[in-house]
Amino acid sequence: MLILILIVPVCTIQIKKQLYEKRVENYLVKELSYEKLKHYTPYYNEYWDSTENFLQNGIGFCVMDKEKIISEAVSIFKSQKYAEVDIITDSNYRGKGLASIIGERFIEYCISHNIEPRWDCDIDNIASINLGSKLGFIDPEEYTIYTKI
């Protein structure tokens, strides 16, 4: 059996405790529910074993354009103390500040529940690093992840 170990440089960023409120015009920010996620189950099955497990134990918010999820911020990992955020925005809606708005909602929820939000991303993902910085994450540190594939 051949085991290949993939080394991926990533960075983690600490959060400042200041938050700024923004309004979402023409869109609705909602907490995620099973009805909204039923078409996205492969992601939740991969990271949480099931959508149901995510909904019981994870954190998630979305921006809706009518009935369509156009941006979401979810905990890709969550413990009692930490929650690592994963944000994605539909490519047709990028550049409108939706990732910032949904990221702020995620951070607000975490802080109000005494959970420290965490931000990890690939070191080459400049857009993600910039978004994390805009949301108040500071002092990036590089570390290596070893993945068994």
N, C-alpha and C. Protein backbone atom coordinates (compact mmCIF):
# COMPACT_ATOMS: atom_id res chain seq x y z
N MET A 1 0.85 -1.17 0.00
CA MET A 1 0.00 0.00 0.00
C MET A 1 0.89 1.23 0.00
N LEU A 2 0.61 2.14 -0.90
CA LEU A 2 1.34 3.39 -1.01
C LEU A 2 0.56 4.48 -0.30
N ILE A 3 1.21 5.19 0.61
CA ILE A 3 0.58 6.32 1.30
C ILE A 3 1.29 7.58 0.85
N LEU A 4 0.54 8.48 0.28
CA LEU A 4 1.08 9.75 -0.17
C LEU A 4 0.68 10.82 0.84
N ILE A 5 1.64 11.58 1.30
CA ILE A 5 1.36 12.66 2.24
C ILE A 5 1.48 13.98 1.49
N LEU A 6 0.42 14.74 1.51
CA LEU A 6 0.37 16.02 0.84
C LEU A 6 0.64 17.12 1.87
N ILE A 7 1.61 17.97 1.58
CA ILE A 7 1.95 19.06 2.49
C ILE A 7 1.39 20.35 1.89
N VAL A 8 0.47 20.98 2.63
CA VAL A 8 -0.19 22.19 2.15
C VAL A 8 0.08 23.33 3.12
N PRO A 9 0.79 24.38 2.68
CA PRO A 9 1.00 25.51 3.58
C PRO A 9 -0.29 26.32 3.71
N VAL A 10 -0.70 26.61 4.92
CA VAL A 10 -1.89 27.42 5.18
C VAL A 10 -1.56 28.44 6.24
N CYS A 11 -2.46 29.37 6.48
CA CYS A 11 -2.23 30.31 7.57
C CYS A 11 -3.48 30.39 8.43
N THR A 12 -3.29 30.69 9.68
CA THR A 12 -4.40 30.91 10.60
C THR A 12 -4.29 32.33 11.11
N ILE A 13 -5.41 32.94 11.38
CA ILE A 13 -5.44 34.35 11.74
C ILE A 13 -6.28 34.53 12.99
N GLN A 14 -5.78 35.29 13.94
CA GLN A 14 -6.53 35.58 15.16
C GLN A 14 -7.54 36.70 14.88
N ILE A 15 -8.60 36.77 15.68
CA ILE A 15 -9.67 37.74 15.46
C ILE A 15 -9.59 38.91 16.45
N LYS A 16 -9.82 40.11 15.96
CA LYS A 16 -10.01 41.27 16.83
C LYS A 16 -11.44 41.19 17.35
N LYS A 17 -11.72 41.75 18.50
CA LYS A 17 -13.05 41.66 19.10
C LYS A 17 -14.01 42.76 18.63
N GLN A 18 -13.64 43.57 17.64
CA GLN A 18 -14.52 44.63 17.16
C GLN A 18 -15.33 44.13 15.97
N LEU A 19 -16.60 44.49 15.95
CA LEU A 19 -17.48 44.13 14.84
C LEU A 19 -18.17 45.38 14.31
N TYR A 20 -18.46 45.38 13.05
CA TYR A 20 -19.16 46.50 12.43
C TYR A 20 -20.41 45.97 11.75
N GLU A 21 -21.53 46.66 11.97
CA GLU A 21 -22.80 46.22 11.38
C GLU A 21 -22.92 46.72 9.95
N LYS A 22 -23.47 45.87 9.10
CA LYS A 22 -23.78 46.26 7.72
C LYS A 22 -25.17 45.76 7.39
N ARG A 23 -25.83 46.45 6.53
CA ARG A 23 -27.16 46.05 6.07
C ARG A 23 -27.02 45.40 4.70
N VAL A 24 -27.86 44.44 4.44
CA VAL A 24 -27.89 43.78 3.14
C VAL A 24 -29.12 44.28 2.40
N GLU A 25 -28.90 45.08 1.37
CA GLU A 25 -30.02 45.58 0.60
C GLU A 25 -30.41 44.57 -0.47
N ASN A 26 -31.69 44.34 -0.61
CA ASN A 26 -32.26 43.45 -1.62
C ASN A 26 -32.00 41.96 -1.35
N TYR A 27 -31.32 41.63 -0.29
CA TYR A 27 -31.05 40.23 0.02
C TYR A 27 -31.46 39.95 1.47
N LEU A 28 -31.62 38.70 1.79
CA LEU A 28 -32.05 38.29 3.12
C LEU A 28 -30.98 37.40 3.74
N VAL A 29 -30.56 37.72 4.96
CA VAL A 29 -29.60 36.90 5.70
C VAL A 29 -30.38 35.98 6.61
N LYS A 30 -30.13 34.68 6.51
CA LYS A 30 -30.88 33.70 7.30
C LYS A 30 -29.94 32.66 7.89
N GLU A 31 -30.41 32.04 8.97
CA GLU A 31 -29.70 30.88 9.50
C GLU A 31 -30.02 29.70 8.58
N LEU A 32 -29.02 28.84 8.39
CA LEU A 32 -29.22 27.69 7.50
C LEU A 32 -30.18 26.68 8.10
N SER A 33 -30.97 26.05 7.26
CA SER A 33 -31.91 25.01 7.68
C SER A 33 -31.80 23.85 6.71
N TYR A 34 -32.38 22.72 7.09
CA TYR A 34 -32.32 21.54 6.22
C TYR A 34 -32.95 21.83 4.86
N GLU A 35 -34.05 22.55 4.85
CA GLU A 35 -34.72 22.86 3.58
C GLU A 35 -33.80 23.61 2.63
N LYS A 36 -33.00 24.53 3.17
CA LYS A 36 -32.08 25.31 2.33
C LYS A 36 -30.88 24.47 1.89
N LEU A 37 -30.50 23.48 2.69
CA LEU A 37 -29.27 22.71 2.42
C LEU A 37 -29.47 21.42 1.66
N LYS A 38 -30.69 21.02 1.41
CA LYS A 38 -30.92 19.69 0.85
C LYS A 38 -30.23 19.48 -0.50
N HIS A 39 -29.93 20.54 -1.21
CA HIS A 39 -29.24 20.41 -2.50
C HIS A 39 -27.72 20.47 -2.36
N TYR A 40 -27.22 20.68 -1.17
CA TYR A 40 -25.79 20.84 -0.95
C TYR A 40 -25.21 19.74 -0.06
N THR A 41 -25.87 18.61 -0.01
CA THR A 41 -25.47 17.56 0.94
C THR A 41 -24.06 17.01 0.76
N PRO A 42 -23.48 16.93 -0.44
CA PRO A 42 -22.12 16.36 -0.54
C PRO A 42 -21.10 17.10 0.34
N TYR A 43 -21.17 18.42 0.39
CA TYR A 43 -20.25 19.20 1.21
C TYR A 43 -20.42 18.85 2.69
N TYR A 44 -21.65 18.84 3.16
CA TYR A 44 -21.90 18.57 4.58
C TYR A 44 -21.63 17.11 4.93
N ASN A 45 -21.85 16.22 4.00
CA ASN A 45 -21.51 14.81 4.23
C ASN A 45 -20.00 14.64 4.35
N GLU A 46 -19.23 15.38 3.55
CA GLU A 46 -17.77 15.25 3.59
C GLU A 46 -17.20 15.76 4.91
N TYR A 47 -17.64 16.91 5.37
CA TYR A 47 -17.04 17.52 6.56
C TYR A 47 -17.76 17.20 7.86
N TRP A 48 -19.03 16.85 7.80
CA TRP A 48 -19.81 16.62 9.02
C TRP A 48 -20.45 15.23 9.05
N ASP A 49 -20.19 14.39 8.10
CA ASP A 49 -20.78 13.06 7.95
C ASP A 49 -22.23 13.09 7.49
N SER A 50 -22.95 14.18 7.77
CA SER A 50 -24.33 14.30 7.29
C SER A 50 -24.79 15.75 7.48
N THR A 51 -25.78 16.12 6.71
CA THR A 51 -26.39 17.44 6.85
C THR A 51 -27.04 17.57 8.22
N GLU A 52 -27.67 16.50 8.68
CA GLU A 52 -28.33 16.52 9.99
C GLU A 52 -27.32 16.79 11.11
N ASN A 53 -26.15 16.15 11.04
CA ASN A 53 -25.11 16.36 12.05
C ASN A 53 -24.64 17.82 12.03
N PHE A 54 -24.46 18.38 10.83
CA PHE A 54 -24.08 19.79 10.74
C PHE A 54 -25.14 20.68 11.38
N LEU A 55 -26.41 20.45 11.05
CA LEU A 55 -27.47 21.30 11.58
C LEU A 55 -27.60 21.20 13.09
N GLN A 56 -27.26 20.06 13.67
CA GLN A 56 -27.33 19.88 15.12
C GLN A 56 -26.11 20.47 15.82
N ASN A 57 -24.93 20.42 15.18
CA ASN A 57 -23.69 20.76 15.86
C ASN A 57 -22.89 21.90 15.24
N GLY A 58 -23.21 22.28 14.03
CA GLY A 58 -22.46 23.31 13.34
C GLY A 58 -23.10 24.68 13.45
N ILE A 59 -22.48 25.64 12.78
CA ILE A 59 -22.97 27.01 12.72
C ILE A 59 -23.06 27.37 11.24
N GLY A 60 -24.14 28.00 10.83
CA GLY A 60 -24.23 28.38 9.43
C GLY A 60 -25.25 29.46 9.15
N PHE A 61 -24.87 30.37 8.27
CA PHE A 61 -25.75 31.45 7.84
C PHE A 61 -25.63 31.60 6.34
N CYS A 62 -26.67 32.12 5.73
CA CYS A 62 -26.64 32.30 4.28
C CYS A 62 -27.28 33.62 3.90
N VAL A 63 -26.90 34.11 2.72
CA VAL A 63 -27.56 35.25 2.10
C VAL A 63 -28.40 34.68 0.97
N MET A 64 -29.66 35.08 0.95
CA MET A 64 -30.61 34.56 -0.04
C MET A 64 -31.00 35.66 -1.02
N ASP A 65 -31.10 35.29 -2.28
CA ASP A 65 -31.71 36.13 -3.30
C ASP A 65 -32.98 35.38 -3.70
N LYS A 66 -34.08 35.82 -3.16
CA LYS A 66 -35.35 35.10 -3.25
C LYS A 66 -35.18 33.73 -2.59
N GLU A 67 -35.24 32.64 -3.34
CA GLU A 67 -35.11 31.30 -2.76
C GLU A 67 -33.74 30.68 -2.99
N LYS A 68 -32.81 31.44 -3.53
CA LYS A 68 -31.49 30.91 -3.89
C LYS A 68 -30.43 31.35 -2.88
N ILE A 69 -29.64 30.39 -2.38
CA ILE A 69 -28.50 30.72 -1.53
C ILE A 69 -27.41 31.28 -2.44
N ILE A 70 -26.98 32.52 -2.16
CA ILE A 70 -25.95 33.13 -2.99
C ILE A 70 -24.63 33.33 -2.24
N SER A 71 -24.66 33.23 -0.92
CA SER A 71 -23.44 33.29 -0.13
C SER A 71 -23.72 32.58 1.19
N GLU A 72 -22.72 31.88 1.69
CA GLU A 72 -22.91 31.22 2.98
C GLU A 72 -21.61 31.21 3.78
N ALA A 73 -21.77 31.24 5.08
CA ALA A 73 -20.66 31.11 6.02
C ALA A 73 -21.03 29.98 6.97
N VAL A 74 -20.22 28.94 6.98
CA VAL A 74 -20.50 27.78 7.81
C VAL A 74 -19.26 27.37 8.58
N SER A 75 -19.49 26.67 9.67
CA SER A 75 -18.36 26.12 10.42
C SER A 75 -17.94 24.82 9.75
N ILE A 76 -16.74 24.83 9.19
CA ILE A 76 -16.20 23.62 8.60
C ILE A 76 -15.70 22.71 9.73
N PHE A 77 -15.40 23.31 10.88
CA PHE A 77 -15.01 22.61 12.10
C PHE A 77 -15.58 23.41 13.26
N LYS A 78 -16.02 22.72 14.31
CA LYS A 78 -16.51 23.42 15.51
C LYS A 78 -16.29 22.54 16.72
N SER A 79 -15.75 23.17 17.75
CA SER A 79 -15.66 22.53 19.07
C SER A 79 -16.40 23.44 20.04
N GLN A 80 -16.33 23.13 21.32
CA GLN A 80 -16.99 24.01 22.29
C GLN A 80 -16.30 25.36 22.37
N LYS A 81 -15.02 25.41 22.00
CA LYS A 81 -14.23 26.63 22.14
C LYS A 81 -13.99 27.37 20.82
N TYR A 82 -13.89 26.65 19.71
CA TYR A 82 -13.52 27.24 18.43
C TYR A 82 -14.48 26.85 17.32
N ALA A 83 -14.58 27.72 16.31
CA ALA A 83 -15.31 27.41 15.08
C ALA A 83 -14.53 27.99 13.91
N GLU A 84 -14.17 27.13 12.97
CA GLU A 84 -13.46 27.59 11.78
C GLU A 84 -14.48 27.88 10.69
N VAL A 85 -14.44 29.08 10.15
CA VAL A 85 -15.42 29.52 9.16
C VAL A 85 -14.99 29.13 7.75
N ASP A 86 -15.97 28.79 6.95
CA ASP A 86 -15.79 28.52 5.53
C ASP A 86 -16.83 29.37 4.81
N ILE A 87 -16.39 30.27 3.94
CA ILE A 87 -17.30 31.19 3.25
C ILE A 87 -17.21 30.96 1.75
N ILE A 88 -18.36 30.92 1.12
CA ILE A 88 -18.41 30.83 -0.34
C ILE A 88 -19.53 31.73 -0.85
N THR A 89 -19.27 32.37 -1.98
CA THR A 89 -20.27 33.22 -2.63
C THR A 89 -20.39 32.79 -4.08
N ASP A 90 -21.63 32.68 -4.55
CA ASP A 90 -21.90 32.35 -5.94
C ASP A 90 -21.13 33.33 -6.84
N SER A 91 -20.45 32.80 -7.84
CA SER A 91 -19.60 33.64 -8.70
C SER A 91 -20.38 34.77 -9.38
N ASN A 92 -21.67 34.61 -9.60
CA ASN A 92 -22.48 35.66 -10.21
C ASN A 92 -22.78 36.82 -9.26
N TYR A 93 -22.48 36.65 -7.96
CA TYR A 93 -22.81 37.67 -6.96
C TYR A 93 -21.56 38.22 -6.28
N ARG A 94 -20.39 37.85 -6.74
CA ARG A 94 -19.15 38.32 -6.11
C ARG A 94 -18.94 39.81 -6.39
N GLY A 95 -18.18 40.44 -5.49
CA GLY A 95 -17.89 41.86 -5.64
C GLY A 95 -18.96 42.77 -5.05
N LYS A 96 -19.93 42.21 -4.35
CA LYS A 96 -21.01 43.00 -3.75
C LYS A 96 -20.86 43.11 -2.23
N GLY A 97 -19.80 42.53 -1.67
CA GLY A 97 -19.59 42.60 -0.23
C GLY A 97 -20.36 41.55 0.57
N LEU A 98 -20.96 40.58 -0.11
CA LEU A 98 -21.77 39.58 0.58
C LEU A 98 -20.94 38.68 1.50
N ALA A 99 -19.73 38.33 1.07
CA ALA A 99 -18.87 37.48 1.92
C ALA A 99 -18.53 38.21 3.22
N SER A 100 -18.30 39.50 3.14
CA SER A 100 -18.03 40.29 4.35
C SER A 100 -19.24 40.31 5.27
N ILE A 101 -20.41 40.51 4.69
CA ILE A 101 -21.64 40.59 5.49
C ILE A 101 -21.93 39.26 6.18
N ILE A 102 -21.85 38.18 5.44
CA ILE A 102 -22.15 36.87 6.03
C ILE A 102 -21.05 36.45 7.00
N GLY A 103 -19.80 36.83 6.71
CA GLY A 103 -18.70 36.56 7.63
C GLY A 103 -18.88 37.28 8.95
N GLU A 104 -19.33 38.54 8.88
CA GLU A 104 -19.59 39.30 10.10
C GLU A 104 -20.70 38.65 10.93
N ARG A 105 -21.73 38.15 10.26
CA ARG A 105 -22.83 37.48 10.97
C ARG A 105 -22.32 36.23 11.68
N PHE A 106 -21.47 35.47 11.02
CA PHE A 106 -20.88 34.27 11.61
C PHE A 106 -20.05 34.65 12.85
N ILE A 107 -19.21 35.66 12.71
CA ILE A 107 -18.35 36.10 13.82
C ILE A 107 -19.19 36.61 14.98
N GLU A 108 -20.21 37.40 14.68
CA GLU A 108 -21.11 37.92 15.71
C GLU A 108 -21.74 36.77 16.51
N TYR A 109 -22.22 35.76 15.79
CA TYR A 109 -22.82 34.60 16.46
C TYR A 109 -21.79 33.91 17.36
N CYS A 110 -20.60 33.68 16.83
CA CYS A 110 -19.57 33.00 17.62
C CYS A 110 -19.26 33.76 18.91
N ILE A 111 -19.00 35.04 18.77
CA ILE A 111 -18.63 35.84 19.95
C ILE A 111 -19.77 35.87 20.96
N SER A 112 -21.01 35.97 20.50
CA SER A 112 -22.14 36.00 21.43
C SER A 112 -22.36 34.65 22.12
N HIS A 113 -21.77 33.59 21.59
CA HIS A 113 -21.87 32.26 22.20
C HIS A 113 -20.54 31.78 22.79
N ASN A 114 -19.62 32.73 23.05
CA ASN A 114 -18.31 32.44 23.64
C ASN A 114 -17.53 31.39 22.85
N ILE A 115 -17.63 31.46 21.54
CA ILE A 115 -16.86 30.59 20.65
C ILE A 115 -15.89 31.49 19.89
N GLU A 116 -14.63 31.09 19.85
CA GLU A 116 -13.64 31.89 19.13
C GLU A 116 -13.65 31.52 17.65
N PRO A 117 -14.01 32.48 16.78
CA PRO A 117 -13.98 32.18 15.35
C PRO A 117 -12.54 32.08 14.86
N ARG A 118 -12.30 31.15 13.96
CA ARG A 118 -10.97 30.93 13.39
C ARG A 118 -11.07 31.04 11.87
N TRP A 119 -9.96 31.47 11.27
CA TRP A 119 -9.90 31.62 9.81
C TRP A 119 -8.65 30.93 9.32
N ASP A 120 -8.80 29.89 8.56
CA ASP A 120 -7.67 29.20 7.93
C ASP A 120 -7.88 29.23 6.43
N CYS A 121 -6.80 29.36 5.70
CA CYS A 121 -6.90 29.29 4.24
C CYS A 121 -5.56 28.91 3.65
N ASP A 122 -5.59 28.50 2.40
CA ASP A 122 -4.37 28.20 1.68
C ASP A 122 -3.54 29.47 1.58
N ILE A 123 -2.25 29.36 1.78
CA ILE A 123 -1.38 30.54 1.81
C ILE A 123 -1.37 31.30 0.48
N ASP A 124 -1.73 30.64 -0.60
CA ASP A 124 -1.78 31.29 -1.91
C ASP A 124 -3.15 31.91 -2.21
N ASN A 125 -4.10 31.76 -1.32
CA ASN A 125 -5.45 32.29 -1.55
C ASN A 125 -5.52 33.73 -1.04
N ILE A 126 -5.00 34.64 -1.85
CA ILE A 126 -4.90 36.05 -1.47
C ILE A 126 -6.29 36.66 -1.19
N ALA A 127 -7.28 36.29 -1.99
CA ALA A 127 -8.64 36.82 -1.77
C ALA A 127 -9.15 36.43 -0.40
N SER A 128 -8.91 35.19 0.02
CA SER A 128 -9.35 34.73 1.33
C SER A 128 -8.58 35.43 2.45
N ILE A 129 -7.29 35.60 2.27
CA ILE A 129 -6.48 36.30 3.28
C ILE A 129 -6.97 37.74 3.41
N ASN A 130 -7.26 38.39 2.29
CA ASN A 130 -7.76 39.77 2.33
C ASN A 130 -9.13 39.86 2.99
N LEU A 131 -10.01 38.90 2.70
CA LEU A 131 -11.33 38.90 3.34
C LEU A 131 -11.18 38.69 4.85
N GLY A 132 -10.33 37.75 5.25
CA GLY A 132 -10.09 37.53 6.68
C GLY A 132 -9.59 38.79 7.36
N SER A 133 -8.67 39.48 6.72
CA SER A 133 -8.14 40.72 7.27
C SER A 133 -9.24 41.78 7.37
N LYS A 134 -10.08 41.88 6.35
CA LYS A 134 -11.19 42.84 6.35
C LYS A 134 -12.17 42.55 7.49
N LEU A 135 -12.34 41.26 7.81
CA LEU A 135 -13.25 40.86 8.89
C LEU A 135 -12.63 41.02 10.28
N GLY A 136 -11.35 41.39 10.34
CA GLY A 136 -10.71 41.64 11.63
C GLY A 136 -9.78 40.56 12.11
N PHE A 137 -9.51 39.55 11.30
CA PHE A 137 -8.56 38.52 11.69
C PHE A 137 -7.15 39.08 11.49
N ILE A 138 -6.30 38.89 12.49
CA ILE A 138 -4.96 39.49 12.47
C ILE A 138 -3.89 38.45 12.77
N ASP A 139 -2.65 38.85 12.59
CA ASP A 139 -1.47 38.05 12.94
C ASP A 139 -1.47 36.66 12.29
N PRO A 140 -1.43 36.59 10.96
CA PRO A 140 -1.41 35.27 10.32
C PRO A 140 -0.15 34.49 10.66
N GLU A 141 -0.32 33.20 10.81
CA GLU A 141 0.80 32.28 11.07
C GLU A 141 0.74 31.17 10.04
N GLU A 142 1.89 30.82 9.49
CA GLU A 142 1.94 29.74 8.51
C GLU A 142 2.21 28.42 9.23
N TYR A 143 1.52 27.39 8.81
CA TYR A 143 1.77 26.05 9.33
C TYR A 143 1.51 25.05 8.22
N THR A 144 1.86 23.81 8.44
CA THR A 144 1.75 22.78 7.42
C THR A 144 0.72 21.75 7.84
N ILE A 145 -0.08 21.32 6.88
CA ILE A 145 -1.05 20.25 7.11
C ILE A 145 -0.56 19.01 6.37
N TYR A 146 -0.60 17.88 7.04
CA TYR A 146 -0.26 16.60 6.42
C TYR A 146 -1.56 15.84 6.19
N THR A 147 -1.78 15.44 4.95
CA THR A 147 -3.01 14.75 4.60
C THR A 147 -2.68 13.36 4.07
N LYS A 148 -3.33 12.36 4.59
CA LYS A 148 -3.16 10.99 4.11
C LYS A 148 -4.15 10.78 2.97
N ILE A 149 -3.61 10.45 1.79
CA ILE A 149 -4.52 10.22 0.65
C ILE A 149 -4.23 8.88 0.00
